[in-house]
Each structure stands twice: as C-alpha cells, then as structure tokens.
C-alpha atoms as a PDB file:
ATOM      1  CA  MET A   1      99.914  85.386 131.989  1.00  0.00           C
ATOM      2  CA  LEU A   2     101.831  85.250 128.717  1.00  0.00           C
ATOM      3  CA  ASP A   3     101.620  80.852 129.925  1.00  0.00           C
ATOM      4  CA  ASP A   4      98.602  80.869 128.424  1.00  0.00           C
ATOM      5  CA  PHE A   5      98.829  79.409 125.026  1.00  0.00           C
ATOM      6  CA  LEU A   6      96.645  82.213 122.971  1.00  0.00           C
ATOM      7  CA  ILE A   7      97.049  85.136 124.399  1.00  0.00           C
ATOM      8  CA  ARG A   8     100.702  84.598 123.601  1.00  0.00           C
ATOM      9  CA  ALA A   9      99.494  84.012 120.275  1.00  0.00           C
ATOM     10  CA  ALA A  10      97.164  87.255 120.160  1.00  0.00           C
ATOM     11  CA  LEU A  11     100.362  88.934 121.217  1.00  0.00           C
ATOM     12  CA  ALA A  12     102.580  87.640 118.202  1.00  0.00           C
ATOM     13  CA  GLY A  13      99.713  88.028 115.966  1.00  0.00           C
ATOM     14  CA  ILE A  14      99.912  91.788 116.494  1.00  0.00           C
ATOM     15  CA  GLY A  15     103.491  91.957 117.549  1.00  0.00           C
ATOM     16  CA  LEU A  16     103.922  90.987 113.690  1.00  0.00           C
ATOM     17  CA  THR A  17     101.659  93.140 111.887  1.00  0.00           C
ATOM     18  CA  LEU A  18     103.690  95.973 113.736  1.00  0.00           C
ATOM     19  CA  ALA A  19     106.144  94.747 110.580  1.00  0.00           C
ATOM     20  CA  THR A  20     103.584  93.637 108.000  1.00  0.00           C
ATOM     21  CA  GLY A  21     101.159  97.126 108.058  1.00  0.00           C
ATOM     22  CA  PRO A  22     103.948  99.457 106.475  1.00  0.00           C
ATOM     23  CA  LEU A  23     105.937  96.787 104.716  1.00  0.00           C
ATOM     24  CA  GLY A  24     102.619  95.887 103.314  1.00  0.00           C
ATOM     25  CA  ALA A  25     102.123  99.311 101.553  1.00  0.00           C
ATOM     26  CA  PHE A  26     105.424  99.305 100.034  1.00  0.00           C
ATOM     27  CA  VAL A  27     104.832  95.893  99.063  1.00  0.00           C
ATOM     28  CA  VAL A  28     101.779  97.123  97.283  1.00  0.00           C
ATOM     29  CA  TRP A  29     102.753 100.249  95.711  1.00  0.00           C
ATOM     30  CA  ARG A  30     105.869  98.351  94.475  1.00  0.00           C
ATOM     31  CA  ARG A  31     104.273  95.600  93.171  1.00  0.00           C
ATOM     32  CA  MET A  32     106.345  93.273  94.959  1.00  0.00           C
ATOM     33  CA  ALA A  33     103.563  90.590  95.551  1.00  0.00           C
ATOM     34  CA  TYR A  34     105.543  88.120  93.584  1.00  0.00           C
ATOM     35  CA  PHE A  35     108.949  89.034  95.514  1.00  0.00           C
ATOM     36  CA  GLY A  36     107.567  88.533  98.614  1.00  0.00           C
ATOM     37  CA  ASP A  37     105.602  85.050  97.339  1.00  0.00           C
ATOM     38  CA  ALA A  38     110.009  83.937  96.224  1.00  0.00           C
ATOM     39  CA  THR A  39     111.413  85.425  99.633  1.00  0.00           C
ATOM     40  CA  ALA A  40     108.569  83.291 101.584  1.00  0.00           C
ATOM     41  CA  HIS A  41     109.032  80.256  99.674  1.00  0.00           C
ATOM     42  CA  ALA A  42     112.673  80.156  99.297  1.00  0.00           C
ATOM     43  CA  ALA A  43     111.800  80.058 103.510  1.00  0.00           C
ATOM     44  CA  ILE A  44     111.314  76.470 103.809  1.00  0.00           C
ATOM     45  CA  LEU A  45     115.091  75.826 102.382  1.00  0.00           C
ATOM     46  CA  GLY A  46     115.462  78.001 105.108  1.00  0.00           C
ATOM     47  CA  VAL A  47     114.566  75.558 107.795  1.00  0.00           C
ATOM     48  CA  ALA A  48     115.736  72.766 106.468  1.00  0.00           C
ATOM     49  CA  ILE A  49     119.099  74.495 106.266  1.00  0.00           C
ATOM     50  CA  SER A  50     118.454  75.384 110.059  1.00  0.00           C
ATOM     51  CA  PHE A  51     118.167  71.101 110.853  1.00  0.00           C
ATOM     52  CA  GLY A  52     121.123  70.102 108.837  1.00  0.00           C
ATOM     53  CA  LEU A  53     123.547  72.530 110.430  1.00  0.00           C
ATOM     54  CA  GLY A  54     121.547  72.598 114.275  1.00  0.00           C
ATOM     55  CA  LEU A  55     121.155  76.684 114.282  1.00  0.00           C
ATOM     56  CA  PRO A  56     117.446  78.107 115.712  1.00  0.00           C
ATOM     57  CA  VAL A  57     114.893  78.257 112.484  1.00  0.00           C
ATOM     58  CA  TYR A  58     115.097  81.995 112.801  1.00  0.00           C
ATOM     59  CA  ILE A  59     118.750  82.107 111.955  1.00  0.00           C
ATOM     60  CA  GLY A  60     118.483  80.112 108.487  1.00  0.00           C
ATOM     61  CA  THR A  61     115.299  81.170 107.052  1.00  0.00           C
ATOM     62  CA  LEU A  62     116.449  85.200 107.980  1.00  0.00           C
ATOM     63  CA  PHE A  63     120.124  83.738 105.998  1.00  0.00           C
ATOM     64  CA  VAL A  64     117.831  81.737 103.052  1.00  0.00           C
ATOM     65  CA  ALA A  65     115.390  84.940 102.727  1.00  0.00           C
ATOM     66  CA  LEU A  66     117.650  87.549 102.502  1.00  0.00           C
ATOM     67  CA  ALA A  67     120.292  85.397  99.822  1.00  0.00           C
ATOM     68  CA  MET A  68     117.211  84.948  97.415  1.00  0.00           C
ATOM     69  CA  ALA A  69     115.787  88.736  97.780  1.00  0.00           C
ATOM     70  CA  ILE A  70     119.323  89.914  97.109  1.00  0.00           C
ATOM     71  CA  THR A  71     119.740  87.483  94.330  1.00  0.00           C
ATOM     72  CA  VAL A  72     116.595  88.228  92.882  1.00  0.00           C
ATOM     73  CA  ALA A  73     116.595  92.300  92.813  1.00  0.00           C
ATOM     74  CA  MET A  74     120.430  92.024  91.102  1.00  0.00           C
ATOM     75  CA  LEU A  75     119.459  89.876  88.107  1.00  0.00           C
ATOM     76  CA  SER A  76     116.381  92.458  88.017  1.00  0.00           C
ATOM     77  CA  GLY A  77     118.423  94.703  87.789  1.00  0.00           C
ATOM     78  CA  ARG A  78     120.270  93.388  85.353  1.00  0.00           C
ATOM     79  CA  GLY A  79     117.623  93.337  82.558  1.00  0.00           C
ATOM     80  CA  HIS A  80     116.266  89.753  83.386  1.00  0.00           C
ATOM     81  CA  ALA A  81     112.378  90.017  83.126  1.00  0.00           C
ATOM     82  CA  SER A  82     111.155  90.128  86.846  1.00  0.00           C
ATOM     83  CA  ASP A  83     108.264  87.702  86.693  1.00  0.00           C
ATOM     84  CA  THR A  84     110.519  84.583  84.907  1.00  0.00           C
ATOM     85  CA  ILE A  85     113.064  84.924  87.538  1.00  0.00           C
ATOM     86  CA  LEU A  86     110.969  85.289  90.643  1.00  0.00           C
ATOM     87  CA  GLY A  87     108.638  82.554  89.457  1.00  0.00           C
ATOM     88  CA  VAL A  88     111.834  80.544  88.791  1.00  0.00           C
ATOM     89  CA  LEU A  89     113.489  81.261  91.986  1.00  0.00           C
ATOM     90  CA  ALA A  90     110.604  80.991  94.254  1.00  0.00           C
ATOM     91  CA  HIS A  91     109.355  77.535  92.772  1.00  0.00           C
ATOM     92  CA  SER A  92     112.781  76.094  92.669  1.00  0.00           C
ATOM     93  CA  ALA A  93     113.617  76.943  96.235  1.00  0.00           C
ATOM     94  CA  LEU A  94     110.481  75.844  97.431  1.00  0.00           C
ATOM     95  CA  ALA A  95     111.573  72.053  95.748  1.00  0.00           C
ATOM     96  CA  PHE A  96     114.947  72.291  97.197  1.00  0.00           C
ATOM     97  CA  GLY A  97     113.621  73.140 100.134  1.00  0.00           C
ATOM     98  CA  LEU A  98     111.265  70.379 100.329  1.00  0.00           C
ATOM     99  CA  VAL A  99     113.675  67.833  98.702  1.00  0.00           C
ATOM    100  CA  ALA A 100     116.038  68.441 102.140  1.00  0.00           C
ATOM    101  CA  ALA A 101     113.648  68.262 104.244  1.00  0.00           C
ATOM    102  CA  SER A 102     112.641  64.467 103.310  1.00  0.00           C
ATOM    103  CA  PHE A 103     116.235  63.884 104.772  1.00  0.00           C
ATOM    104  CA  PHE A 104     115.355  64.875 108.637  1.00  0.00           C
ATOM    105  CA  SER A 105     112.257  62.536 110.432  1.00  0.00           C
ATOM    106  CA  GLY A 106     111.941  65.777 112.580  1.00  0.00           C
ATOM    107  CA  LEU A 107     111.726  68.430 109.930  1.00  0.00           C
ATOM    108  CA  ARG A 108     109.008  65.717 107.948  1.00  0.00           C
ATOM    109  CA  VAL A 109     106.204  65.525 110.768  1.00  0.00           C
ATOM    110  CA  ASP A 110     106.259  69.571 111.333  1.00  0.00           C
ATOM    111  CA  LEU A 111     106.711  70.580 107.504  1.00  0.00           C
ATOM    112  CA  SER A 112     103.056  71.269 107.909  1.00  0.00           C
ATOM    113  CA  ALA A 113     103.467  74.108 110.649  1.00  0.00           C
ATOM    114  CA  PHE A 114     105.920  76.255 108.961  1.00  0.00           C
ATOM    115  CA  LEU A 115     103.929  75.614 105.657  1.00  0.00           C
ATOM    116  CA  PHE A 116     100.877  77.498 107.046  1.00  0.00           C
ATOM    117  CA  GLY A 117     102.090  78.185 110.715  1.00  0.00           C
ATOM    118  CA  ASP A 118     101.389  76.932 113.952  1.00  0.00           C
ATOM    119  CA  ILE A 119     100.524  80.770 115.816  1.00  0.00           C
ATOM    120  CA  LEU A 120      98.740  77.951 118.362  1.00  0.00           C
ATOM    121  CA  ALA A 121     102.451  77.058 119.125  1.00  0.00           C
ATOM    122  CA  VAL A 122     104.337  79.655 119.537  1.00  0.00           C
ATOM    123  CA  SER A 123     106.479  79.828 122.791  1.00  0.00           C
ATOM    124  CA  ARG A 124     107.770  82.724 125.506  1.00  0.00           C
ATOM    125  CA  GLY A 125     111.080  82.736 123.544  1.00  0.00           C
ATOM    126  CA  ASP A 126     109.498  82.989 119.886  1.00  0.00           C
ATOM    127  CA  LEU A 127     107.571  85.664 121.258  1.00  0.00           C
ATOM    128  CA  GLY A 128     110.810  87.524 121.656  1.00  0.00           C
ATOM    129  CA  VAL A 129     111.897  87.093 118.558  1.00  0.00           C
ATOM    130  CA  ILE A 130     108.581  87.887 116.639  1.00  0.00           C
ATOM    131  CA  TRP A 131     108.633  91.514 118.266  1.00  0.00           C
ATOM    132  CA  ALA A 132     112.091  92.070 118.443  1.00  0.00           C
ATOM    133  CA  GLY A 133     112.697  91.682 114.556  1.00  0.00           C
ATOM    134  CA  SER A 134     109.023  93.056 113.587  1.00  0.00           C
ATOM    135  CA  LEU A 135     110.028  96.273 116.186  1.00  0.00           C
ATOM    136  CA  ALA A 136     113.688  95.854 114.321  1.00  0.00           C
ATOM    137  CA  VAL A 137     111.573  96.141 110.412  1.00  0.00           C
ATOM    138  CA  ALA A 138     109.131  98.664 111.505  1.00  0.00           C
ATOM    139  CA  GLY A 139     112.541 100.865 113.056  1.00  0.00           C
ATOM    140  CA  LEU A 140     114.178 100.806 109.353  1.00  0.00           C
ATOM    141  CA  LEU A 141     110.786 101.652 107.887  1.00  0.00           C
ATOM    142  CA  VAL A 142     110.691 104.806 110.131  1.00  0.00           C
ATOM    143  CA  TRP A 143     114.542 105.448 109.703  1.00  0.00           C
ATOM    144  CA  ARG A 144     114.072 104.962 105.546  1.00  0.00           C
ATOM    145  CA  TRP A 145     110.541 106.215 104.812  1.00  0.00           C
ATOM    146  CA  GLN A 146     111.007 109.847 103.502  1.00  0.00           C
ATOM    147  CA  GLY A 147     113.789 107.903 100.835  1.00  0.00           C
ATOM    148  CA  LEU A 148     111.518 105.059 100.083  1.00  0.00           C
ATOM    149  CA  LEU A 149     108.533 106.532  99.866  1.00  0.00           C
ATOM    150  CA  THR A 150     110.750 109.157  97.137  1.00  0.00           C
ATOM    151  CA  ALA A 151     111.977 106.373  95.692  1.00  0.00           C
ATOM    152  CA  THR A 152     108.489 104.536  95.117  1.00  0.00           C
ATOM    153  CA  VAL A 153     106.939 107.302  93.598  1.00  0.00           C
ATOM    154  CA  ASN A 154     109.951 108.382  90.974  1.00  0.00           C
ATOM    155  CA  GLU A 155     113.531 107.144  91.049  1.00  0.00           C
ATOM    156  CA  GLU A 156     114.545 110.022  88.634  1.00  0.00           C
ATOM    157  CA  LEU A 157     113.228 112.202  91.567  1.00  0.00           C
ATOM    158  CA  ALA A 158     114.505 110.552  94.067  1.00  0.00           C
ATOM    159  CA  GLN A 159     118.511 110.258  92.306  1.00  0.00           C
ATOM    160  CA  ALA A 160     118.049 114.739  91.921  1.00  0.00           C
ATOM    161  CA  SER A 161     117.300 114.594  95.512  1.00  0.00           C
ATOM    162  CA  GLY A 162     120.805 112.853  96.430  1.00  0.00           C
ATOM    163  CA  LEU A 163     118.891 109.396  97.588  1.00  0.00           C
ATOM    164  CA  ASN A 164     119.690 106.291  95.779  1.00  0.00           C
ATOM    165  CA  PRO A 165     117.505 104.087  94.803  1.00  0.00           C
ATOM    166  CA  ARG A 166     119.111 100.735  94.977  1.00  0.00           C
ATOM    167  CA  VAL A 167     119.989 101.414  98.548  1.00  0.00           C
ATOM    168  CA  GLU A 168     115.989 102.148  98.882  1.00  0.00           C
ATOM    169  CA  ARG A 169     115.583  98.509  97.357  1.00  0.00           C
ATOM    170  CA  LEU A 170     118.515  97.325  99.888  1.00  0.00           C
ATOM    171  CA  VAL A 171     116.035  98.342 103.171  1.00  0.00           C
ATOM    172  CA  LEU A 172     113.167  97.099 101.465  1.00  0.00           C
ATOM    173  CA  THR A 173     114.841  93.634 100.771  1.00  0.00           C
ATOM    174  CA  LEU A 174     116.316  93.667 104.406  1.00  0.00           C
ATOM    175  CA  ALA A 175     112.863  94.550 105.981  1.00  0.00           C
ATOM    176  CA  LEU A 176     111.336  92.306 103.730  1.00  0.00           C
ATOM    177  CA  ALA A 177     114.019  88.729 104.728  1.00  0.00           C
ATOM    178  CA  LEU A 178     113.314  89.971 108.409  1.00  0.00           C
ATOM    179  CA  THR A 179     109.516  89.638 108.119  1.00  0.00           C
ATOM    180  CA  VAL A 180     109.897  86.226 106.525  1.00  0.00           C
ATOM    181  CA  ALA A 181     112.069  85.075 109.032  1.00  0.00           C
ATOM    182  CA  VAL A 182     110.122  86.243 112.354  1.00  0.00           C
ATOM    183  CA  SER A 183     106.659  85.188 110.232  1.00  0.00           C
ATOM    184  CA  ILE A 184     106.762  81.500 108.817  1.00  0.00           C
ATOM    185  CA  LYS A 185     105.833  80.384 112.809  1.00  0.00           C
ATOM    186  CA  ILE A 186     102.821  82.317 112.723  1.00  0.00           C
ATOM    187  CA  VAL A 187     100.945  81.640 109.335  1.00  0.00           C
ATOM    188  CA  GLY A 188     103.616  79.998 107.562  1.00  0.00           C
ATOM    189  CA  ALA A 189     106.443  80.351 104.315  1.00  0.00           C
ATOM    190  CA  LEU A 190     102.970  80.017 101.985  1.00  0.00           C
ATOM    191  CA  LEU A 191     100.645  82.387 103.548  1.00  0.00           C
ATOM    192  CA  ILE A 192     103.338  84.964 104.876  1.00  0.00           C
ATOM    193  CA  ALA A 193     102.919  87.130 101.119  1.00  0.00           C
ATOM    194  CA  ALA A 194      99.649  87.373 101.910  1.00  0.00           C
ATOM    195  CA  LEU A 195      99.448  88.118 104.895  1.00  0.00           C
ATOM    196  CA  LEU A 196     101.282  91.349 103.466  1.00  0.00           C
ATOM    197  CA  ILE A 197      99.333  92.012 100.630  1.00  0.00           C
ATOM    198  CA  VAL A 198      95.674  91.231 101.632  1.00  0.00           C
ATOM    199  CA  PRO A 199      95.515  94.262 104.645  1.00  0.00           C
ATOM    200  CA  ALA A 200      97.692  96.672 102.723  1.00  0.00           C
ATOM    201  CA  ALA A 201      95.376  96.076  99.873  1.00  0.00           C
ATOM    202  CA  THR A 202      91.511  96.898 102.168  1.00  0.00           C
ATOM    203  CA  ALA A 203      94.062  99.709 103.606  1.00  0.00           C
ATOM    204  CA  ARG A 204      94.736 101.543 100.395  1.00  0.00           C
ATOM    205  CA  GLN A 205      90.384 102.356  99.489  1.00  0.00           C
ATOM    206  CA  PHE A 206      90.142 104.356 102.397  1.00  0.00           C
ATOM    207  CA  ALA A 207      93.804 105.785 103.407  1.00  0.00           C
ATOM    208  CA  ARG A 208      94.715 109.292 102.004  1.00  0.00           C
ATOM    209  CA  GLY A 209      98.252 109.757 102.254  1.00  0.00           C
ATOM    210  CA  PRO A 210     100.739 106.981 102.704  1.00  0.00           C
ATOM    211  CA  GLU A 211     100.901 107.181 106.718  1.00  0.00           C
ATOM    212  CA  GLY A 212      97.319 106.638 106.981  1.00  0.00           C
ATOM    213  CA  MET A 213      97.813 103.408 104.907  1.00  0.00           C
ATOM    214  CA  ALA A 214     100.529 101.924 106.840  1.00  0.00           C
ATOM    215  CA  ALA A 215      98.533 102.690 109.843  1.00  0.00           C
ATOM    216  CA  LEU A 216      95.202 101.009 108.880  1.00  0.00           C
ATOM    217  CA  ALA A 217      96.658  98.377 106.862  1.00  0.00           C
ATOM    218  CA  THR A 218      98.385  97.755 110.426  1.00  0.00           C
ATOM    219  CA  GLY A 219      95.312  97.665 112.596  1.00  0.00           C
ATOM    220  CA  LEU A 220      93.410  95.357 109.531  1.00  0.00           C
ATOM    221  CA  GLY A 221      96.190  93.078 110.189  1.00  0.00           C
ATOM    222  CA  ALA A 222      95.852  92.892 114.157  1.00  0.00           C
ATOM    223  CA  VAL A 223      92.089  92.751 113.311  1.00  0.00           C
ATOM    224  CA  SER A 224      92.614  89.519 110.904  1.00  0.00           C
ATOM    225  CA  VAL A 225      94.785  87.882 113.596  1.00  0.00           C
ATOM    226  CA  LEU A 226      92.115  88.055 116.573  1.00  0.00           C
ATOM    227  CA  CYS A 227      89.772  87.522 113.823  1.00  0.00           C
ATOM    228  CA  GLY A 228      91.483  84.512 112.657  1.00  0.00           C
ATOM    229  CA  LEU A 229      92.445  82.880 116.071  1.00  0.00           C
ATOM    230  CA  TRP A 230      88.855  83.030 117.026  1.00  0.00           C
ATOM    231  CA  ALA A 231      87.158  81.188 114.201  1.00  0.00           C
ATOM    232  CA  SER A 232      90.209  78.926 114.802  1.00  0.00           C
ATOM    233  CA  LEU A 233      89.469  78.061 118.205  1.00  0.00           C
ATOM    234  CA  GLY A 234      85.507  78.040 117.338  1.00  0.00           C
ATOM    235  CA  TYR A 235      85.662  75.675 114.019  1.00  0.00           C
ATOM    236  CA  ASP A 236      88.275  73.765 114.912  1.00  0.00           C
ATOM    237  CA  THR A 237      90.234  75.123 111.986  1.00  0.00           C
ATOM    238  CA  PRO A 238      94.380  75.914 110.511  1.00  0.00           C
ATOM    239  CA  ALA A 239      95.098  78.864 112.735  1.00  0.00           C
ATOM    240  CA  GLY A 240      97.292  80.604 110.166  1.00  0.00           C
ATOM    241  CA  PRO A 241      95.079  80.020 106.779  1.00  0.00           C
ATOM    242  CA  SER A 242      91.847  81.126 109.202  1.00  0.00           C
ATOM    243  CA  ILE A 243      93.622  84.210 109.883  1.00  0.00           C
ATOM    244  CA  VAL A 244      94.778  84.692 106.207  1.00  0.00           C
ATOM    245  CA  ALA A 245      91.130  84.074 105.338  1.00  0.00           C
ATOM    246  CA  SER A 246      89.828  86.694 107.746  1.00  0.00           C
ATOM    247  CA  ALA A 247      91.802  89.568 106.088  1.00  0.00           C
ATOM    248  CA  ALA A 248      90.661  88.403 102.746  1.00  0.00           C
ATOM    249  CA  VAL A 249      86.800  88.662 104.100  1.00  0.00           C
ATOM    250  CA  LEU A 250      87.344  91.964 105.264  1.00  0.00           C
ATOM    251  CA  PHE A 251      88.716  92.924 101.884  1.00  0.00           C
ATOM    252  CA  ALA A 252      85.814  92.047 100.284  1.00  0.00           C
ATOM    253  CA  LEU A 253      83.434  93.497 102.460  1.00  0.00           C
ATOM    254  CA  SER A 254      85.562  96.898 102.031  1.00  0.00           C
ATOM    255  CA  LEU A 255      84.629  96.819  98.230  1.00  0.00           C
ATOM    256  CA  PRO A 256      80.825  97.406  98.786  1.00  0.00           C
ATOM    257  CA  LEU A 257      81.453 100.026 101.341  1.00  0.00           C
ATOM    258  CA  ARG A 258      84.655 101.725  99.137  1.00  0.00           C
ATOM    259  CA  ARG A 259      82.059 102.144  95.908  1.00  0.00           C
ATOM    260  CA  ARG A 260      79.521 103.822  97.886  1.00  0.00           C
ATOM    261  CA  GLY A 261      81.998 106.420  99.174  1.00  0.00           C
END
C-alpha cells in the first residue's frame, strides 16, 4: 500500500502536522512568523550545501536552519531590531542559496521542488525521516510544554518560577529548525511558515485553551493536507501551494463562523 504515491503523500503530510500544529501555536503566540520565514529561507542554502558536500538534503537543511535560528536569537538578544535582522538574514540566506544552487546543474533542475515542495514524490525513506522528525518535535514540545507556556505568557514569571526563558527560546529554535528540515520536501522553503501559521491562526479563533489550540491546529493542518492533495490531483495544481491554499480557505471560512459565535 505504501508503494502508492498518493498514500505516501497523505501520510507524509499528516505526519508533518504533528509538528506544525503545536509549534505553529507557539509561533502565533510569540509572533514569530518572520522568524519562521527566515529559518525556512535559509533552508535553500542548506540544500545547496548538501548537494555540494554529497550529504542527505535533510542534514544540510537542518544544519543551516539551526545556524540561522541561533544567529537570529543571539542578535535579537543583543538589542538589534528583530524585524531588521530577520529581514536581512532571510533574504540574504535565500539569495546565497539560489546563487550556490546555480553551480549544481542537477539542483537547478530540482530547485522548484525545494522552493514549493514536491509531496507527491515522497519516498518511503522520506516518510520515515518526516515521521521521525515530527515525532521528535512533538515530543520535545510536550516535554517542555509548561515551561514554554510560562515563558510565552510572562518571562518574568518564568524566571520567578525557576525557569530560564533563554532555554525555552532555544527549545523553540531547535524545534523550528527540525520542522523546516523535515518539511522542505512537502511544502517547500517558501511555504513552510505558512503551514505553521495559517492552521494555528484558524484554531486560535475557536480554541478555549493552549492545548486545545495545538490539537485543533494539528487537525486543521491534516485537513488542509488532504484537501490540498485532492485539489492537486483533481485540477493539476502544484501540491505544496495547494495545501497552503486549502489552509487559507479554511481560515477565510472560519472568520464569519467566529463572528457569529
């Protein structure tokens, strides 16, 4: 059954939402949307490095995404304007990645797949990496859930409770980098942040608590994956953008429902 490309694609997308759902909730709560964009854009540089060194794409992507996330966190903590730092690093990393990719003929051909995703080409090996990475992210967030929540609500309260807000930010940084690494083949570097944010933004309108929002964001992400795959097959549209477009439609449909509530 797993030899069927559509089933593999659906399983890969649903597996990814185990990470993007709860992590997306924190991205929305902490207003880290641009942070996610910067980390995702850096993934293209990681892809180019992987091709150059003959490494698995997931390894190079994880390394560069993690380096980008840590760099942004360090510079922001030293008083630099976060939006400026994020803007400079995000676009610079993407530009350097595209330039580096131009030196590898094979990568030039496949570049659109890394920019916009190619979930229909996911292999059984990819499926294992995606599920392992997503479960690792979900496990990390569950393990640090209370500390992350406390630091998100009030960093002074977190310190008074014996928590270190920097450690909690580092946990989110690691989780975000790992999510970017495992999701680049599904939705692509340009759409990863959207898959994190849009289902979580929709869930926020209906959830009554943090755990409920994380669970609902996961469910909405899974629905978006299935609807996007259906649209891609039915209308011959690119799968990655179709998944994000489905998430956006769900968000739009939720607005009048929320107002009536």
